[in-house]
Protein backbone atom coordinates (compact mmCIF):
# COMPACT_ATOMS: atom_id res chain seq x y z
CA MET A 1 -23.43 13.56 -20.20
CA THR A 2 -19.46 12.91 -19.02
CA VAL A 3 -18.99 10.78 -16.15
CA ARG A 4 -16.84 12.70 -13.28
CA VAL A 5 -15.82 10.22 -10.10
CA ARG A 6 -13.68 11.70 -7.64
CA PHE A 7 -10.87 10.10 -4.89
CA ALA A 8 -11.81 11.77 -1.70
CA PRO A 9 -9.01 11.15 0.67
CA SER A 10 -8.17 12.68 4.30
CA PRO A 11 -4.86 14.05 4.98
CA THR A 12 -4.48 12.03 8.36
CA GLY A 13 -0.95 10.11 8.01
CA MET A 14 0.21 7.54 5.33
CA PHE A 15 -1.24 6.00 2.31
CA HIS A 16 -3.59 3.44 2.63
CA VAL A 17 -3.16 0.07 0.08
CA GLY A 18 -7.65 0.24 0.59
CA GLY A 19 -7.36 4.29 -0.69
CA ALA A 20 -4.63 3.30 -3.23
CA ARG A 21 -7.13 0.00 -4.27
CA SER A 22 -10.47 2.64 -4.90
CA ALA A 23 -7.83 5.20 -6.06
CA LEU A 24 -7.06 3.40 -9.19
CA GLN A 25 -10.85 1.98 -9.73
CA ASN A 26 -12.07 5.44 -9.92
CA TRP A 27 -9.21 6.10 -12.18
CA ILE A 28 -9.58 3.51 -14.51
CA PHE A 29 -13.30 3.64 -14.76
CA ALA A 30 -12.86 6.65 -15.85
CA LYS A 31 -10.35 6.12 -18.83
CA GLN A 32 -12.66 3.53 -19.72
CA GLN A 33 -15.63 5.60 -20.08
CA GLY A 34 -13.30 8.81 -21.16
CA GLY A 35 -14.65 11.03 -18.42
CA VAL A 36 -12.83 12.68 -15.43
CA PHE A 37 -10.96 11.70 -12.91
CA VAL A 38 -11.16 14.07 -9.80
CA LEU A 39 -9.06 13.95 -6.72
CA ARG A 40 -10.47 15.79 -3.44
CA ILE A 41 -8.69 16.33 -0.30
CA GLU A 42 -11.43 16.63 2.82
CA ASP A 43 -8.71 18.71 4.94
CA THR A 44 -11.71 20.80 7.16
CA ASP A 45 -10.28 18.27 9.87
CA ALA A 46 -7.52 20.58 10.41
CA ALA A 47 -6.22 19.12 14.02
CA ARG A 48 -5.64 16.25 12.55
CA ASN A 49 -3.79 17.19 8.27
CA LYS A 50 -0.79 17.97 7.45
CA PRO A 51 0.25 19.86 3.90
CA GLU A 52 3.25 16.83 4.21
CA TRP A 53 0.44 14.11 4.27
CA THR A 54 -1.26 16.05 0.85
CA GLU A 55 2.12 15.81 -0.92
CA GLY A 56 2.16 12.31 0.06
CA ILE A 57 -1.08 11.63 -1.12
CA LEU A 58 0.17 12.71 -4.25
CA THR A 59 3.30 11.31 -4.45
CA ALA A 60 1.58 7.75 -3.65
CA LEU A 61 -0.86 7.87 -6.06
CA GLU A 62 2.29 8.95 -9.31
CA TRP A 63 4.09 5.49 -7.73
CA ILE A 64 1.17 3.97 -8.50
CA GLY A 65 0.37 5.36 -12.14
CA ILE A 66 -2.10 8.04 -11.54
CA SER A 67 0.00 11.10 -13.04
CA ARG A 68 0.17 14.48 -11.76
CA ASP A 69 -1.74 15.75 -15.09
CA SER A 70 -4.26 12.51 -15.61
CA TYR A 71 -6.86 13.69 -12.69
CA GLU A 72 -8.51 17.00 -12.03
CA GLY A 73 -7.23 18.67 -8.95
CA PRO A 74 -6.42 18.30 -6.48
CA TYR A 75 -9.17 20.02 -4.54
CA PHE A 76 -10.08 20.98 -1.27
CA GLN A 77 -12.70 20.48 0.82
CA SER A 78 -11.66 23.14 3.38
CA THR A 79 -12.70 25.73 0.71
CA ASN A 80 -15.73 25.16 -0.31
CA ALA A 81 -17.00 25.85 3.08
CA GLY A 82 -19.36 28.42 2.17
CA GLU A 83 -21.18 26.53 0.09
CA HIS A 84 -22.03 23.64 2.72
CA ARG A 85 -23.30 26.40 5.06
CA ALA A 86 -24.98 27.46 2.29
CA ALA A 87 -26.66 23.86 1.64
CA ALA A 88 -27.74 23.91 5.34
CA ALA A 89 -29.55 26.80 5.74
CA ARG A 90 -31.87 25.89 2.06
CA LEU A 91 -32.47 22.73 3.99
CA TYR A 92 -33.23 24.58 7.49
CA GLU A 93 -35.35 26.79 5.20
CA SER A 94 -37.59 23.76 3.39
CA GLY A 95 -38.05 22.33 6.16
CA ARG A 96 -35.69 19.09 5.54
CA ALA A 97 -34.16 20.31 8.85
CA TYR A 98 -34.66 21.10 11.88
CA TYR A 99 -32.45 22.51 15.41
CA CYS A 100 -32.30 20.83 18.59
CA ASP A 101 -30.15 21.56 21.37
CA CYS A 102 -30.60 17.66 23.14
CA THR A 103 -27.23 16.18 24.60
CA ARG A 104 -26.53 12.88 24.08
CA GLU A 105 -27.65 12.33 28.37
CA ASP A 106 -31.01 14.11 27.63
CA VAL A 107 -31.68 11.58 24.90
CA GLN A 108 -30.39 8.54 26.85
CA ALA A 109 -32.89 10.17 29.87
CA ARG A 110 -35.99 10.21 27.72
CA THR A 111 -35.58 6.36 25.88
CA GLY A 112 -33.68 5.31 29.07
CA SER A 113 -31.25 3.41 26.41
CA GLN A 114 -27.65 4.16 26.17
CA TYR A 115 -27.35 2.03 22.53
CA GLN A 116 -31.66 3.37 20.69
CA GLY A 117 -30.53 6.53 18.46
CA TYR A 118 -32.40 10.18 18.28
CA ASP A 119 -35.54 10.04 19.58
CA GLY A 120 -36.88 13.11 17.13
CA TYR A 121 -37.50 15.09 20.67
CA HIS A 122 -37.81 19.07 18.96
CA ARG A 123 -39.28 17.69 15.21
CA ASP A 124 -42.31 19.85 15.38
CA LEU A 125 -40.69 22.34 18.33
CA GLY A 126 -39.94 24.76 16.47
CA LEU A 127 -36.43 25.89 18.16
CA ALA A 128 -34.69 28.75 16.39
CA PRO A 129 -31.00 28.81 15.29
CA GLY A 130 -29.00 29.50 18.00
CA GLU A 131 -25.59 28.73 19.94
CA GLY A 132 -25.02 25.15 20.74
CA ARG A 133 -28.20 24.00 18.51
CA ALA A 134 -27.44 20.94 16.36
CA LEU A 135 -28.91 21.24 12.48
CA ARG A 136 -30.76 17.63 12.01
CA PHE A 137 -32.27 16.04 8.98
CA ARG A 138 -35.96 15.68 8.99
CA THR A 139 -35.45 12.13 7.38
CA PRO A 140 -38.84 10.82 6.29
CA ASP A 141 -41.20 8.56 8.38
CA GLU A 142 -42.43 6.41 5.45
CA GLY A 143 -41.25 4.10 2.96
CA ALA A 144 -38.11 3.19 2.12
CA THR A 145 -34.16 4.35 0.74
CA VAL A 146 -32.94 2.04 -2.22
CA VAL A 147 -29.05 2.22 -3.32
CA VAL A 148 -28.52 1.52 -6.58
CA ASP A 149 -25.59 0.03 -6.25
CA LEU A 150 -23.37 -1.02 -9.38
CA ILE A 151 -21.37 -4.03 -7.14
CA ARG A 152 -24.31 -4.86 -4.26
CA GLY A 153 -27.74 -4.52 -6.15
CA GLU A 154 -30.21 -2.43 -4.44
CA PRO A 155 -29.79 -2.71 -0.75
CA THR A 156 -32.78 -1.20 1.02
CA PHE A 157 -32.94 1.44 3.99
CA GLU A 158 -36.20 1.55 5.90
CA ASN A 159 -36.57 5.24 6.76
CA LYS A 160 -38.08 4.57 10.25
CA LEU A 161 -35.10 3.32 11.07
CA ILE A 162 -32.77 6.22 10.02
CA GLU A 163 -32.72 8.27 12.79
CA ASP A 164 -32.49 12.47 12.03
CA PHE A 165 -29.04 12.37 11.79
CA VAL A 166 -26.70 15.94 12.71
CA ILE A 167 -25.81 17.66 9.73
CA ALA A 168 -24.54 20.72 11.50
CA ARG A 169 -23.14 21.09 14.89
CA GLY A 170 -23.68 23.43 17.14
CA ASP A 171 -20.71 26.02 15.69
CA GLY A 172 -22.83 25.91 12.43
CA SER A 173 -20.31 23.94 10.87
CA PRO A 174 -21.53 21.16 8.54
CA VAL A 175 -20.82 17.43 9.44
CA PHE A 176 -18.91 15.09 6.26
CA LEU A 177 -22.04 14.01 5.33
CA LEU A 178 -23.64 17.11 4.07
CA ALA A 179 -20.12 18.24 3.54
CA ASN A 180 -19.27 15.45 0.89
CA VAL A 181 -22.71 15.74 -0.63
CA VAL A 182 -21.90 19.33 -1.16
CA ASP A 183 -18.77 18.61 -2.93
CA ASP A 184 -19.92 15.99 -4.86
CA MET A 185 -22.99 18.16 -6.42
CA THR A 186 -20.51 21.38 -6.82
CA MET A 187 -17.81 18.94 -8.92
CA GLY A 188 -20.30 17.45 -10.67
CA ILE A 189 -20.23 14.11 -9.71
CA THR A 190 -22.03 11.16 -11.37
CA HIS A 191 -20.11 7.90 -10.12
CA VAL A 192 -19.40 7.47 -6.36
CA ILE A 193 -16.74 4.34 -6.14
CA ARG A 194 -16.36 3.80 -2.88
CA ALA A 195 -15.23 1.09 0.15
CA GLU A 196 -18.06 -0.50 1.58
CA GLU A 197 -17.47 0.39 5.35
CA HIS A 198 -19.74 3.75 3.29
CA LEU A 199 -22.58 2.00 2.71
CA PRO A 200 -24.30 3.24 6.05
CA ASN A 201 -24.00 6.05 5.67
CA THR A 202 -25.14 6.28 1.64
CA PRO A 203 -29.22 6.15 2.34
CA LYS A 204 -28.32 9.50 4.76
CA GLN A 205 -26.50 11.05 1.64
CA GLN A 206 -29.20 9.80 -0.85
CA LEU A 207 -31.98 11.85 1.27
CA LEU A 208 -29.73 15.07 1.08
CA TRP A 209 -28.83 15.17 -2.96
CA GLU A 210 -33.13 13.70 -3.08
CA ALA A 211 -34.02 17.28 -0.55
CA LEU A 212 -31.71 19.49 -2.26
CA GLY A 213 -33.01 18.73 -5.52
CA VAL A 214 -30.39 17.04 -7.29
CA LYS A 215 -30.09 13.68 -9.21
CA PRO A 216 -27.35 11.42 -6.31
CA PRO A 217 -24.99 9.64 -8.82
CA VAL A 218 -24.33 5.86 -9.20
CA TRP A 219 -23.06 4.41 -6.50
CA ALA A 220 -20.35 1.21 -6.26
CA HIS A 221 -19.43 0.02 -3.23
CA VAL A 222 -16.09 -2.00 -3.22
CA PRO A 223 -15.80 -4.50 -1.31
CA VAL A 224 -13.73 -4.17 1.82
CA VAL A 225 -10.14 -5.08 2.09
CA VAL A 226 -9.65 -7.71 5.61
CA ASN A 227 -6.28 -8.76 7.13
CA GLU A 228 -5.43 -12.95 7.47
CA LYS A 229 -8.17 -13.38 10.32
CA ARG A 230 -10.54 -11.39 7.81
CA GLN A 231 -10.55 -8.17 10.00
CA LYS A 232 -10.73 -4.70 8.46
CA LEU A 233 -7.03 -3.62 7.50
CA SER A 234 -6.05 -1.21 10.46
CA LYS A 235 -3.79 1.87 10.25
CA ARG A 236 -3.10 0.19 14.21
CA ARG A 237 -2.25 -3.36 13.55
CA ASP A 238 -1.61 -4.75 10.15
CA LYS A 239 0.88 -2.97 7.55
CA VAL A 240 -0.83 -1.01 5.46
CA ALA A 241 1.38 2.38 4.38
CA LEU A 242 1.58 2.06 0.77
CA GLU A 243 5.01 3.90 1.08
CA ALA A 244 5.96 0.74 3.58
CA TYR A 245 5.82 -1.02 0.67
CA ARG A 246 7.58 0.81 -1.69
CA GLU A 247 10.41 1.73 0.50
CA GLU A 248 10.50 -1.76 1.70
CA GLY A 249 11.23 -2.22 -2.22
CA TYR A 250 7.76 -3.41 -4.07
CA LEU A 251 7.74 -2.59 -7.33
CA ALA A 252 4.67 0.09 -8.30
CA SER A 253 3.62 -2.39 -11.37
CA ALA A 254 3.37 -5.17 -8.37
CA MET A 255 1.69 -3.82 -5.95
CA ARG A 256 -0.83 -2.11 -8.35
CA ASN A 257 -1.74 -5.68 -10.47
CA TYR A 258 -1.80 -6.93 -7.05
CA LEU A 259 -4.08 -4.08 -5.75
CA MET A 260 -6.89 -4.27 -8.58
CA LEU A 261 -7.57 -8.36 -7.20
CA LEU A 262 -8.60 -7.10 -4.66
CA GLY A 263 -12.19 -8.63 -5.41
CA TRP A 264 -11.81 -8.74 -8.96
CA ALA A 265 -10.41 -10.74 -11.68
CA PRO A 266 -9.07 -10.96 -15.25
CA SER A 267 -10.25 -13.31 -17.34
CA GLY A 268 -8.67 -17.34 -17.66
CA ASP A 269 -7.41 -18.06 -14.88
CA ARG A 270 -5.12 -15.75 -14.75
CA GLU A 271 -3.48 -13.20 -11.96
CA ILE A 272 -0.25 -11.39 -13.62
CA VAL A 273 -0.98 -9.65 -16.41
CA PRO A 274 0.35 -6.65 -18.29
CA TRP A 275 -1.29 -3.41 -17.11
CA SER A 276 -2.81 -3.19 -19.86
CA VAL A 277 -5.28 -6.10 -19.98
CA ILE A 278 -6.32 -4.85 -16.95
CA GLU A 279 -7.04 -1.07 -18.20
CA ASP A 280 -9.30 -2.90 -20.88
CA GLU A 281 -10.90 -5.46 -18.71
CA PHE A 282 -12.04 -4.32 -15.41
CA ARG A 283 -15.57 -3.99 -15.02
CA LEU A 284 -17.13 -2.24 -11.98
CA ASP A 285 -19.92 -5.08 -12.27
CA GLU A 286 -18.13 -7.96 -11.82
CA VAL A 287 -16.67 -6.71 -8.60
CA ASN A 288 -17.05 -9.31 -6.04
CA PRO A 289 -18.98 -8.22 -2.74
CA SER A 290 -17.21 -10.18 -0.71
CA PRO A 291 -14.06 -8.26 1.24
CA ALA A 292 -10.80 -8.88 -0.28
CA PHE A 293 -7.82 -10.19 1.92
CA PHE A 294 -5.05 -8.67 1.68
CA ASP A 295 -2.37 -11.24 1.58
CA GLU A 296 1.02 -10.18 1.94
CA LYS A 297 2.60 -13.11 0.95
CA LYS A 298 0.79 -13.40 -2.13
CA LEU A 299 2.11 -9.75 -2.65
CA ARG A 300 5.78 -11.03 -2.10
CA ALA A 301 5.71 -13.10 -4.68
CA PHE A 302 3.71 -11.56 -7.17
CA ASN A 303 6.65 -8.74 -6.28
CA GLY A 304 9.05 -11.03 -6.91
CA GLU A 305 7.78 -12.79 -10.61
CA TYR A 306 7.71 -9.07 -11.58
CA ILE A 307 11.15 -8.25 -10.63
CA ARG A 308 12.62 -11.91 -12.33
CA ALA A 309 11.38 -10.30 -15.40
CA LEU A 310 12.72 -7.15 -15.16
CA PRO A 311 15.16 -6.98 -18.02
CA VAL A 312 18.46 -6.65 -16.22
CA ASP A 313 19.69 -3.33 -17.05
CA GLU A 314 16.30 -1.82 -15.33
CA PHE A 315 17.34 -4.62 -12.60
CA ILE A 316 20.27 -2.47 -11.74
CA ASP A 317 18.52 0.75 -12.43
CA ALA A 318 15.41 -0.42 -9.48
CA CYS A 319 18.09 -0.99 -6.93
CA GLN A 320 20.06 1.76 -6.54
CA PRO A 321 18.56 3.41 -4.00
CA TRP A 322 18.81 0.52 -1.81
CA LEU A 323 22.63 0.58 -2.73
CA THR A 324 23.44 4.41 -2.74
CA GLY A 325 20.79 5.25 -0.04
CA THR A 326 18.91 7.53 -2.27
CA GLY A 327 15.45 9.19 -1.86
CA THR A 328 13.61 7.97 1.53
CA ILE A 329 15.53 4.70 1.32
CA ALA A 330 18.05 4.02 4.59
CA PRO A 331 21.82 4.07 3.71
CA PRO A 332 23.67 0.92 3.18
CA PRO A 333 26.34 -0.61 5.69
CA TRP A 334 29.34 0.38 3.34
CA GLN A 335 30.46 4.15 2.34
CA PRO A 336 29.42 5.91 -1.01
CA GLU A 337 33.39 5.23 -2.58
CA GLU A 338 32.91 1.67 -1.46
CA TYR A 339 30.23 1.04 -3.72
CA ASP A 340 31.37 -0.55 -7.10
CA ALA A 341 28.70 -0.31 -9.95
CA ALA A 342 30.41 -2.51 -12.39
CA ALA A 343 31.13 -4.93 -9.04
CA PHE A 344 27.17 -4.98 -8.89
CA ALA A 345 26.81 -5.44 -12.63
CA ALA A 346 28.73 -8.54 -12.69
CA VAL A 347 26.84 -10.51 -9.69
CA ALA A 348 23.01 -8.54 -11.18
CA PRO A 349 21.32 -11.69 -12.92
CA LEU A 350 22.22 -13.84 -10.34
CA ALA A 351 20.63 -11.39 -7.20
CA GLN A 352 17.58 -11.18 -9.52
CA THR A 353 16.51 -14.38 -9.05
CA ARG A 354 17.00 -14.57 -5.55
CA ILE A 355 15.22 -11.40 -4.22
CA ALA A 356 11.67 -10.40 -4.02
CA VAL A 357 12.08 -7.03 -2.60
CA LEU A 358 14.36 -4.39 -3.78
CA SER A 359 15.67 -4.08 -0.61
CA GLU A 360 17.31 -7.32 -0.62
CA ILE A 361 19.55 -6.71 -2.32
CA VAL A 362 21.94 -5.27 0.21
CA PRO A 363 22.95 -8.64 2.91
CA ASN A 364 23.03 -10.14 -0.58
CA VAL A 365 26.14 -7.93 -2.38
CA ASP A 366 27.38 -6.52 0.35
CA PHE A 367 30.04 -8.82 0.41
CA LEU A 368 31.19 -6.92 -1.90
CA PHE A 369 31.38 -3.95 -1.30
CA LEU A 370 32.81 -3.64 2.95
CA ALA A 371 36.24 -4.03 3.50
CA SER A 372 35.57 -7.62 5.51
CA PRO A 373 32.44 -9.48 5.88
CA LEU A 374 29.52 -8.73 8.00
CA ILE A 375 29.75 -11.95 10.22
CA ASP A 376 26.77 -13.59 11.35
CA GLU A 377 27.42 -15.59 14.47
CA ALA A 378 25.10 -17.96 14.44
CA ALA A 379 25.66 -18.99 10.83
CA TRP A 380 29.63 -18.93 11.77
CA ALA A 381 29.08 -21.12 15.25
CA LYS A 382 26.52 -23.61 13.02
CA THR A 383 29.62 -24.01 10.17
CA MET A 384 32.67 -23.35 11.28
CA LYS A 385 33.61 -26.82 13.45
CA ASP A 386 35.89 -29.72 13.70
CA GLY A 387 37.11 -29.94 10.52
CA SER A 388 36.58 -26.48 9.12
CA ALA A 389 40.60 -24.95 10.12
CA ASP A 390 41.86 -27.66 7.96
CA LEU A 391 39.45 -26.95 5.04
CA LEU A 392 40.17 -23.36 4.79
CA ASP A 393 43.40 -24.14 5.08
CA ALA A 394 43.26 -26.89 1.95
CA ALA A 395 41.29 -24.54 0.30
CA VAL A 396 43.62 -21.44 0.61
CA ALA A 397 46.31 -22.81 -0.47
CA ALA A 398 44.79 -24.65 -3.81
CA PHE A 399 43.14 -21.26 -4.59
CA GLU A 400 47.21 -19.76 -4.49
CA ALA A 401 48.28 -22.31 -6.59
CA LEU A 402 45.25 -21.77 -10.04
CA GLU A 403 46.47 -19.67 -12.83
CA SER A 404 42.69 -18.26 -13.86
CA TRP A 405 40.61 -16.81 -11.00
CA ASP A 406 37.16 -17.81 -12.69
CA ALA A 407 34.32 -19.47 -10.82
CA GLU A 408 34.43 -22.66 -13.07
CA SER A 409 37.99 -23.21 -11.75
CA LEU A 410 37.41 -22.24 -8.64
CA LYS A 411 34.36 -24.85 -7.95
CA SER A 412 36.35 -27.52 -9.81
CA THR A 413 39.53 -26.59 -7.23
CA LEU A 414 37.75 -27.36 -4.38
CA GLU A 415 35.26 -30.67 -5.52
CA ALA A 416 38.82 -31.47 -5.10
CA VAL A 417 39.96 -30.60 -2.14
CA GLY A 418 36.95 -32.19 -0.40
CA ALA A 419 36.87 -35.29 -2.48
CA GLU A 420 40.81 -35.83 -0.37
CA ARG A 421 38.22 -35.55 2.62
CA GLY A 422 35.55 -37.56 1.54
CA LEU A 423 33.80 -34.58 1.16
CA LYS A 424 30.91 -33.29 -0.39
CA LEU A 425 31.12 -29.89 -2.22
CA GLY A 426 27.99 -28.60 -0.01
CA LYS A 427 29.77 -29.12 3.26
CA THR A 428 33.11 -28.00 1.57
CA GLN A 429 32.13 -25.17 0.41
CA ALA A 430 29.74 -23.71 3.71
CA PRO A 431 33.27 -22.73 5.71
CA VAL A 432 34.58 -20.83 2.42
CA ARG A 433 31.17 -19.33 2.02
CA VAL A 434 30.77 -17.74 5.90
CA ALA A 435 34.31 -17.08 5.54
CA VAL A 436 33.87 -15.31 2.28
CA THR A 437 30.55 -13.47 2.84
CA GLY A 438 29.62 -14.21 6.36
CA ARG A 439 26.73 -16.07 5.60
CA THR A 440 25.48 -19.31 4.73
CA VAL A 441 23.37 -18.56 1.87
CA GLY A 442 23.34 -15.94 -0.80
CA LEU A 443 24.96 -15.02 -4.01
CA PRO A 444 26.00 -18.62 -6.07
CA LEU A 445 29.39 -19.22 -4.49
CA PHE A 446 32.21 -19.59 -6.75
CA GLU A 447 30.67 -16.44 -8.85
CA SER A 448 31.10 -14.63 -6.47
CA LEU A 449 34.79 -15.26 -5.46
CA GLU A 450 35.22 -14.08 -8.94
CA VAL A 451 33.75 -11.25 -8.98
CA LEU A 452 34.94 -10.07 -5.27
CA GLY A 453 39.20 -11.68 -6.83
CA ARG A 454 41.45 -13.35 -6.05
CA GLU A 455 43.69 -11.09 -3.14
CA ARG A 456 40.28 -9.92 -1.68
CA ALA A 457 38.41 -13.72 -1.15
CA LEU A 458 42.14 -14.92 0.24
CA THR A 459 42.41 -12.39 2.62
CA ARG A 460 39.10 -13.09 4.26
CA MET A 461 39.90 -16.74 4.08
CA ARG A 462 43.23 -16.85 5.67
CA ALA A 463 41.20 -14.11 8.09
CA ALA A 464 38.62 -16.73 8.85
CA ARG A 465 41.17 -19.21 9.76
CA LEU A 466 43.10 -17.01 12.14
CA ARG A 467 39.78 -16.98 13.85
CA LEU A 468 39.70 -20.35 14.12
CA VAL A 469 43.19 -20.93 16.30
């Protein structure tokens, strides 16, 4: 038997990081088993899906390493509508489903409770198909449905506690439960690996598989992904869009490594490992069933480690979208013709050790490409106090006299300026840094001055001195 797994997202917005985690787990499992990864777009809610969101799913999958030539599909659920209706008809004709025209208010009136489920009123009334009549599955009265789950063991659901659930609406259109089962049958899915939130639906779907005469798939419900308050990640409340992390400058390699750690860990006391290790060691039955905390701070630290591990030339290439404003990245504060690739290459090794996401490269190097620095007014007010004017005057005079404009000479010269005033280098260089870069923190000052050049550096220091008059 060939293993076939599927990832079945709905194109209703940005791509959720939890969905990306599920996609990776399915993809790796299929690869390990020599099987097939199927992509199915569940697009039957026409009011809530857009073609560009489907394309966004494909692009996001490719970004995390699931290339378009490594899976079957994408298939679209809407094209299988005929099979959905045919399955509903078979269930009705076999007596496994019946029609019902009860409203919610009818059920509440009979049961006296707004919380009680459907009471089976039409089970044996033999209501014929008709406009506005929903089709309900006839749940067995006795026994239990046992879900054999690779991660959760054997969750057991008493059938008497499962109401006769709707499988087709009053207009004849099948609901998600039935459509999902029929699609999996049609596509020969052998293993369903999905989030824990779908577990309550599983006994109903298993009953549908059995009623349609097909052996259910192997189930594996991976842990739900939660925030720091242990609440399920929400698009409305939390930062969950994979695209947002990509545009902020998270590396795909760091993101997919981190996502795979949500509920699972490689062998040994390690978390950052080569992708080949994850592909080799991941096991579904080793996934922890407890909720998995999506820790953005930890992800950020991961990303910083991955950035620092890049060869410098790859780091330079990775920064280009933020330096040139290409793709979906917002343009930087300088004009394209102001960007100096050689100047950036000179400071790239210094910047690489100081940023955690690639978008942070812009405020670290903008002083190199702008005609004048972007002044952080709070930094200016904090730094440019009594004595700053004298320091700038002395630094300008000393720097003008330098024969060699290099980091070592600049540092020793400014140290001497400070020593004459009883100041350590940190206090001495602060006004110079703000004058030249506009900020109190950033790349090493003297290397920055060297790359910026004598004329531009001195011009900025003189302009800052005039502002202090």
